[in-house]
Amino acid sequence: MRKVILLFSHTLSDEQISEAKLNYDVEEFMYLPKNLQNLWSSIEPELETISEVLTPLKNFLIQNSEKDDLVLVQGDFGAVFIMVDFCFKHNLVPIYATTQRVVKEYEQDNRLVKKSIFTFGRFRKYELV
């Protein structure tokens, strides 16, 4: 059995936990410590480069993972790219959650209101091409 390390700004839903256990043989879900979660969730948009900023997260993965562990990577696009690349280079399996979006439009107070509802689809592995 393996674990999932969460580079993710949300809490997993029961449905996501079930999917990981059933389809990926996961027994452990590892959330980031608060300081690293804050780092991952609020990468400064003004920074020109972020690779060095992500060093504590890379170190956390090295210290807390084993070959073929899953890493759920979702967030800032540049950070995701860097961390997915890091996972591939360190024999970890980067994944992401897919969603289905349902858009509802209705009129309220003479305004058109659009509401998007996202539902979990499945986890999918990032692929090298």
N, C-alpha and C. Protein backbone atom coordinates (compact mmCIF):
# COMPACT_ATOMS: atom_id res chain seq x y z
N MET A 1 0.84 -1.19 0.00
CA MET A 1 0.00 0.00 0.00
C MET A 1 0.87 1.24 0.00
N ARG A 2 0.32 2.33 -0.45
CA ARG A 2 1.08 3.56 -0.58
C ARG A 2 0.35 4.71 0.07
N LYS A 3 1.03 5.84 0.08
CA LYS A 3 0.41 7.04 0.64
C LYS A 3 0.28 8.10 -0.43
N VAL A 4 -0.55 9.09 -0.14
CA VAL A 4 -0.69 10.28 -0.96
C VAL A 4 -0.24 11.46 -0.12
N ILE A 5 0.71 12.22 -0.65
CA ILE A 5 1.12 13.47 -0.03
C ILE A 5 0.38 14.58 -0.77
N LEU A 6 -0.21 15.49 -0.02
CA LEU A 6 -1.12 16.46 -0.61
C LEU A 6 -0.49 17.84 -0.76
N LEU A 7 -0.10 18.17 -1.99
CA LEU A 7 0.29 19.54 -2.34
C LEU A 7 -0.97 20.14 -2.97
N PHE A 8 -1.82 20.62 -2.10
CA PHE A 8 -3.22 20.85 -2.45
C PHE A 8 -3.75 21.83 -1.42
N SER A 9 -4.59 22.76 -1.82
CA SER A 9 -5.04 23.80 -0.89
C SER A 9 -6.37 23.49 -0.20
N HIS A 10 -6.89 22.31 -0.42
CA HIS A 10 -8.20 21.97 0.14
C HIS A 10 -8.10 20.72 1.00
N THR A 11 -9.20 20.36 1.60
CA THR A 11 -9.31 19.10 2.32
C THR A 11 -9.97 18.09 1.39
N LEU A 12 -9.49 16.88 1.38
CA LEU A 12 -10.09 15.86 0.52
C LEU A 12 -11.51 15.55 0.95
N SER A 13 -12.35 15.30 -0.02
CA SER A 13 -13.72 14.87 0.26
C SER A 13 -13.73 13.37 0.53
N ASP A 14 -14.82 12.88 1.10
CA ASP A 14 -14.96 11.44 1.32
C ASP A 14 -14.87 10.68 0.00
N GLU A 15 -15.44 11.26 -1.05
CA GLU A 15 -15.41 10.62 -2.36
C GLU A 15 -13.97 10.51 -2.89
N GLN A 16 -13.17 11.55 -2.68
CA GLN A 16 -11.78 11.52 -3.11
C GLN A 16 -10.97 10.49 -2.32
N ILE A 17 -11.22 10.42 -1.04
CA ILE A 17 -10.54 9.43 -0.20
C ILE A 17 -10.88 8.02 -0.67
N SER A 18 -12.15 7.77 -0.93
CA SER A 18 -12.58 6.45 -1.41
C SER A 18 -11.93 6.11 -2.75
N GLU A 19 -11.89 7.07 -3.67
CA GLU A 19 -11.27 6.85 -4.99
C GLU A 19 -9.80 6.48 -4.84
N ALA A 20 -9.07 7.20 -4.00
CA ALA A 20 -7.64 6.92 -3.81
C ALA A 20 -7.42 5.53 -3.21
N LYS A 21 -8.24 5.17 -2.24
CA LYS A 21 -8.10 3.85 -1.62
C LYS A 21 -8.43 2.74 -2.60
N LEU A 22 -9.50 2.91 -3.34
CA LEU A 22 -9.98 1.86 -4.24
C LEU A 22 -9.08 1.70 -5.47
N ASN A 23 -8.75 2.80 -6.12
CA ASN A 23 -8.06 2.71 -7.41
C ASN A 23 -6.54 2.85 -7.34
N TYR A 24 -6.02 3.30 -6.20
CA TYR A 24 -4.58 3.48 -6.09
C TYR A 24 -3.97 2.77 -4.89
N ASP A 25 -4.77 1.97 -4.20
CA ASP A 25 -4.28 1.17 -3.08
C ASP A 25 -3.62 2.04 -2.00
N VAL A 26 -4.26 3.17 -1.68
CA VAL A 26 -3.73 4.13 -0.72
C VAL A 26 -4.23 3.80 0.68
N GLU A 27 -3.34 3.87 1.64
CA GLU A 27 -3.76 3.68 3.04
C GLU A 27 -3.50 4.90 3.90
N GLU A 28 -2.69 5.85 3.42
CA GLU A 28 -2.34 7.02 4.24
C GLU A 28 -2.44 8.28 3.39
N PHE A 29 -2.97 9.34 4.02
CA PHE A 29 -3.08 10.65 3.39
C PHE A 29 -2.28 11.63 4.24
N MET A 30 -1.27 12.24 3.64
CA MET A 30 -0.39 13.12 4.39
C MET A 30 -0.58 14.57 3.94
N TYR A 31 -1.17 15.36 4.83
CA TYR A 31 -1.30 16.80 4.59
C TYR A 31 0.02 17.47 4.97
N LEU A 32 0.26 18.62 4.37
CA LEU A 32 1.47 19.38 4.68
C LEU A 32 1.36 19.99 6.07
N PRO A 33 2.50 20.16 6.76
CA PRO A 33 2.48 20.93 8.01
C PRO A 33 2.03 22.37 7.70
N LYS A 34 1.51 23.03 8.70
CA LYS A 34 0.90 24.35 8.52
C LYS A 34 1.81 25.33 7.79
N ASN A 35 3.08 25.40 8.16
CA ASN A 35 3.97 26.37 7.51
C ASN A 35 4.14 26.07 6.02
N LEU A 36 4.23 24.79 5.65
CA LEU A 36 4.37 24.44 4.24
C LEU A 36 3.04 24.60 3.50
N GLN A 37 1.95 24.34 4.20
CA GLN A 37 0.63 24.55 3.58
C GLN A 37 0.44 26.03 3.25
N ASN A 38 0.84 26.89 4.17
CA ASN A 38 0.75 28.33 3.92
C ASN A 38 1.62 28.73 2.73
N LEU A 39 2.81 28.17 2.64
CA LEU A 39 3.70 28.45 1.52
C LEU A 39 3.04 28.02 0.21
N TRP A 40 2.54 26.80 0.16
CA TRP A 40 1.94 26.27 -1.07
C TRP A 40 0.69 27.05 -1.48
N SER A 41 -0.10 27.46 -0.50
CA SER A 41 -1.37 28.12 -0.79
C SER A 41 -1.25 29.59 -1.12
N SER A 42 -0.08 30.18 -0.90
CA SER A 42 0.03 31.63 -1.14
C SER A 42 1.39 31.99 -1.74
N ILE A 43 1.69 31.41 -2.87
CA ILE A 43 2.93 31.74 -3.57
C ILE A 43 2.78 33.16 -4.12
N GLU A 44 3.74 34.00 -3.80
CA GLU A 44 3.67 35.41 -4.16
C GLU A 44 3.64 35.61 -5.67
N PRO A 45 2.62 36.28 -6.19
CA PRO A 45 2.52 36.48 -7.64
C PRO A 45 3.57 37.46 -8.19
N GLU A 46 4.18 38.26 -7.33
CA GLU A 46 5.16 39.24 -7.78
C GLU A 46 6.53 38.63 -8.06
N LEU A 47 6.78 37.43 -7.56
CA LEU A 47 8.09 36.81 -7.73
C LEU A 47 8.35 36.46 -9.19
N GLU A 48 9.56 36.75 -9.64
CA GLU A 48 9.92 36.43 -11.02
C GLU A 48 10.17 34.93 -11.19
N THR A 49 10.81 34.31 -10.19
CA THR A 49 11.06 32.87 -10.21
C THR A 49 10.66 32.29 -8.85
N ILE A 50 10.29 31.03 -8.86
CA ILE A 50 9.81 30.43 -7.60
C ILE A 50 10.50 29.13 -7.22
N SER A 51 11.42 28.66 -8.03
CA SER A 51 12.05 27.37 -7.76
C SER A 51 12.67 27.31 -6.37
N GLU A 52 13.39 28.35 -5.98
CA GLU A 52 14.00 28.36 -4.64
C GLU A 52 12.96 28.43 -3.53
N VAL A 53 11.87 29.11 -3.78
CA VAL A 53 10.78 29.21 -2.79
C VAL A 53 10.22 27.82 -2.48
N LEU A 54 10.25 26.94 -3.47
CA LEU A 54 9.68 25.60 -3.33
C LEU A 54 10.62 24.60 -2.67
N THR A 55 11.84 25.01 -2.39
CA THR A 55 12.82 24.10 -1.79
C THR A 55 12.31 23.41 -0.52
N PRO A 56 11.66 24.12 0.42
CA PRO A 56 11.16 23.42 1.61
C PRO A 56 10.15 22.32 1.27
N LEU A 57 9.35 22.52 0.23
CA LEU A 57 8.38 21.50 -0.18
C LEU A 57 9.10 20.29 -0.79
N LYS A 58 10.12 20.56 -1.58
CA LYS A 58 10.92 19.48 -2.15
C LYS A 58 11.59 18.67 -1.04
N ASN A 59 12.14 19.36 -0.06
CA ASN A 59 12.77 18.66 1.07
C ASN A 59 11.77 17.82 1.84
N PHE A 60 10.56 18.35 2.03
CA PHE A 60 9.51 17.60 2.71
C PHE A 60 9.18 16.31 1.96
N LEU A 61 9.07 16.41 0.64
CA LEU A 61 8.78 15.21 -0.15
C LEU A 61 9.91 14.19 -0.03
N ILE A 62 11.14 14.64 -0.10
CA ILE A 62 12.28 13.72 0.01
C ILE A 62 12.26 13.00 1.36
N GLN A 63 11.96 13.73 2.42
CA GLN A 63 11.99 13.17 3.77
C GLN A 63 10.78 12.30 4.10
N ASN A 64 9.67 12.50 3.41
CA ASN A 64 8.43 11.83 3.80
C ASN A 64 7.84 10.89 2.76
N SER A 65 8.57 10.62 1.71
CA SER A 65 8.00 9.76 0.67
C SER A 65 8.89 8.57 0.39
N GLU A 66 8.28 7.58 -0.22
CA GLU A 66 8.98 6.40 -0.70
C GLU A 66 8.66 6.24 -2.18
N LYS A 67 9.48 5.50 -2.87
CA LYS A 67 9.28 5.27 -4.30
C LYS A 67 7.83 4.85 -4.57
N ASP A 68 7.25 5.45 -5.59
CA ASP A 68 5.89 5.16 -6.07
C ASP A 68 4.77 5.70 -5.18
N ASP A 69 5.11 6.49 -4.14
CA ASP A 69 4.05 7.20 -3.43
C ASP A 69 3.41 8.20 -4.38
N LEU A 70 2.16 8.49 -4.13
CA LEU A 70 1.43 9.47 -4.93
C LEU A 70 1.60 10.86 -4.33
N VAL A 71 1.60 11.87 -5.18
CA VAL A 71 1.62 13.26 -4.73
C VAL A 71 0.52 13.99 -5.49
N LEU A 72 -0.49 14.44 -4.77
CA LEU A 72 -1.58 15.20 -5.38
C LEU A 72 -1.10 16.64 -5.52
N VAL A 73 -0.89 17.09 -6.76
CA VAL A 73 -0.28 18.39 -7.02
C VAL A 73 -1.28 19.27 -7.77
N GLN A 74 -1.82 20.28 -7.08
CA GLN A 74 -2.71 21.25 -7.68
C GLN A 74 -2.48 22.59 -7.02
N GLY A 75 -2.44 23.65 -7.82
CA GLY A 75 -2.24 24.99 -7.28
C GLY A 75 -1.73 25.93 -8.35
N ASP A 76 -0.84 26.84 -7.96
CA ASP A 76 -0.20 27.79 -8.87
C ASP A 76 0.41 27.02 -10.04
N PHE A 77 0.09 27.43 -11.27
CA PHE A 77 0.51 26.66 -12.44
C PHE A 77 2.02 26.45 -12.51
N GLY A 78 2.78 27.49 -12.26
CA GLY A 78 4.23 27.35 -12.31
C GLY A 78 4.75 26.41 -11.24
N ALA A 79 4.20 26.53 -10.04
CA ALA A 79 4.60 25.66 -8.94
C ALA A 79 4.22 24.21 -9.23
N VAL A 80 3.06 24.01 -9.81
CA VAL A 80 2.63 22.66 -10.18
C VAL A 80 3.61 22.06 -11.18
N PHE A 81 3.98 22.82 -12.19
CA PHE A 81 4.92 22.33 -13.20
C PHE A 81 6.24 21.90 -12.55
N ILE A 82 6.76 22.75 -11.69
CA ILE A 82 8.04 22.46 -11.03
C ILE A 82 7.93 21.22 -10.15
N MET A 83 6.86 21.12 -9.38
CA MET A 83 6.73 20.00 -8.45
C MET A 83 6.38 18.69 -9.16
N VAL A 84 5.64 18.74 -10.24
CA VAL A 84 5.37 17.52 -11.01
C VAL A 84 6.68 17.02 -11.61
N ASP A 85 7.48 17.90 -12.16
CA ASP A 85 8.79 17.53 -12.69
C ASP A 85 9.66 16.91 -11.60
N PHE A 86 9.64 17.52 -10.42
CA PHE A 86 10.39 17.01 -9.27
C PHE A 86 9.93 15.59 -8.93
N CYS A 87 8.63 15.37 -8.92
CA CYS A 87 8.09 14.04 -8.60
C CYS A 87 8.60 13.00 -9.59
N PHE A 88 8.53 13.30 -10.88
CA PHE A 88 9.01 12.35 -11.88
C PHE A 88 10.48 12.03 -11.67
N LYS A 89 11.28 13.03 -11.35
CA LYS A 89 12.72 12.82 -11.16
C LYS A 89 13.05 12.04 -9.90
N HIS A 90 12.09 11.97 -8.95
CA HIS A 90 12.33 11.28 -7.68
C HIS A 90 11.45 10.05 -7.51
N ASN A 91 10.99 9.48 -8.62
CA ASN A 91 10.21 8.23 -8.62
C ASN A 91 8.94 8.29 -7.79
N LEU A 92 8.32 9.46 -7.80
CA LEU A 92 7.01 9.63 -7.18
C LEU A 92 5.97 9.76 -8.29
N VAL A 93 4.72 9.51 -7.96
CA VAL A 93 3.66 9.51 -8.97
C VAL A 93 2.77 10.74 -8.75
N PRO A 94 2.93 11.77 -9.58
CA PRO A 94 2.10 12.96 -9.43
C PRO A 94 0.71 12.73 -10.03
N ILE A 95 -0.30 13.16 -9.29
CA ILE A 95 -1.69 13.03 -9.74
C ILE A 95 -2.41 14.36 -9.54
N TYR A 96 -3.57 14.46 -10.17
CA TYR A 96 -4.44 15.62 -9.98
C TYR A 96 -5.89 15.16 -9.99
N ALA A 97 -6.76 15.99 -9.45
CA ALA A 97 -8.18 15.67 -9.40
C ALA A 97 -8.87 16.29 -10.61
N THR A 98 -9.67 15.49 -11.29
CA THR A 98 -10.50 16.02 -12.37
C THR A 98 -11.86 16.41 -11.79
N THR A 99 -12.51 17.34 -12.46
CA THR A 99 -13.82 17.78 -12.01
C THR A 99 -14.76 17.93 -13.20
N GLN A 100 -16.03 17.88 -12.88
CA GLN A 100 -17.05 18.20 -13.86
C GLN A 100 -17.70 19.50 -13.40
N ARG A 101 -17.85 20.45 -14.32
CA ARG A 101 -18.45 21.73 -13.97
C ARG A 101 -19.84 21.82 -14.59
N VAL A 102 -20.80 22.16 -13.74
CA VAL A 102 -22.16 22.41 -14.19
C VAL A 102 -22.43 23.89 -13.94
N VAL A 103 -22.80 24.60 -15.00
CA VAL A 103 -23.06 26.04 -14.89
C VAL A 103 -24.56 26.26 -14.91
N LYS A 104 -25.01 27.00 -13.92
CA LYS A 104 -26.43 27.36 -13.86
C LYS A 104 -26.53 28.87 -13.98
N GLU A 105 -27.43 29.33 -14.83
CA GLU A 105 -27.67 30.75 -14.99
C GLU A 105 -29.09 31.06 -14.56
N TYR A 106 -29.25 32.17 -13.87
CA TYR A 106 -30.58 32.59 -13.47
C TYR A 106 -30.58 34.10 -13.29
N GLU A 107 -31.75 34.67 -13.30
CA GLU A 107 -31.88 36.11 -13.13
C GLU A 107 -32.22 36.41 -11.68
N GLN A 108 -31.54 37.41 -11.15
CA GLN A 108 -31.78 37.83 -9.77
C GLN A 108 -31.60 39.34 -9.71
N ASP A 109 -32.60 40.05 -9.25
CA ASP A 109 -32.54 41.51 -9.15
C ASP A 109 -32.15 42.15 -10.48
N ASN A 110 -32.79 41.69 -11.57
CA ASN A 110 -32.52 42.20 -12.92
C ASN A 110 -31.08 42.01 -13.38
N ARG A 111 -30.41 41.05 -12.84
CA ARG A 111 -29.03 40.71 -13.24
C ARG A 111 -28.97 39.23 -13.58
N LEU A 112 -28.11 38.92 -14.53
CA LEU A 112 -27.86 37.53 -14.86
C LEU A 112 -26.77 37.01 -13.94
N VAL A 113 -27.08 35.95 -13.21
CA VAL A 113 -26.14 35.36 -12.27
C VAL A 113 -25.73 34.00 -12.81
N LYS A 114 -24.43 33.75 -12.81
CA LYS A 114 -23.89 32.46 -13.23
C LYS A 114 -23.29 31.78 -12.02
N LYS A 115 -23.68 30.54 -11.82
CA LYS A 115 -23.16 29.78 -10.69
C LYS A 115 -22.54 28.50 -11.24
N SER A 116 -21.27 28.28 -10.90
CA SER A 116 -20.58 27.07 -11.33
C SER A 116 -20.49 26.10 -10.16
N ILE A 117 -20.88 24.87 -10.42
CA ILE A 117 -20.82 23.83 -9.40
C ILE A 117 -19.85 22.76 -9.91
N PHE A 118 -18.81 22.50 -9.11
CA PHE A 118 -17.80 21.53 -9.49
C PHE A 118 -18.00 20.25 -8.68
N THR A 119 -17.98 19.13 -9.38
CA THR A 119 -18.05 17.84 -8.69
C THR A 119 -16.82 17.03 -9.08
N PHE A 120 -16.34 16.27 -8.13
CA PHE A 120 -15.15 15.45 -8.33
C PHE A 120 -15.42 14.38 -9.38
N GLY A 121 -14.45 14.19 -10.27
CA GLY A 121 -14.55 13.14 -11.28
C GLY A 121 -13.71 11.94 -10.90
N ARG A 122 -12.39 12.12 -10.90
CA ARG A 122 -11.46 11.05 -10.57
C ARG A 122 -10.08 11.65 -10.41
N PHE A 123 -9.15 10.85 -9.91
CA PHE A 123 -7.75 11.24 -9.93
C PHE A 123 -7.14 10.75 -11.23
N ARG A 124 -6.24 11.55 -11.77
CA ARG A 124 -5.56 11.18 -13.01
C ARG A 124 -4.07 11.43 -12.82
N LYS A 125 -3.26 10.53 -13.35
CA LYS A 125 -1.81 10.70 -13.29
C LYS A 125 -1.36 11.74 -14.31
N TYR A 126 -0.42 12.59 -13.90
CA TYR A 126 0.25 13.44 -14.87
C TYR A 126 1.05 12.53 -15.78
N GLU A 127 1.19 12.91 -17.04
CA GLU A 127 1.90 12.09 -18.01
C GLU A 127 3.08 12.85 -18.61
N LEU A 128 4.16 12.14 -18.85
CA LEU A 128 5.26 12.66 -19.63
C LEU A 128 5.01 12.30 -21.08
N VAL A 129 5.21 13.23 -21.97
CA VAL A 129 5.02 12.92 -23.39
C VAL A 129 6.29 13.16 -24.17
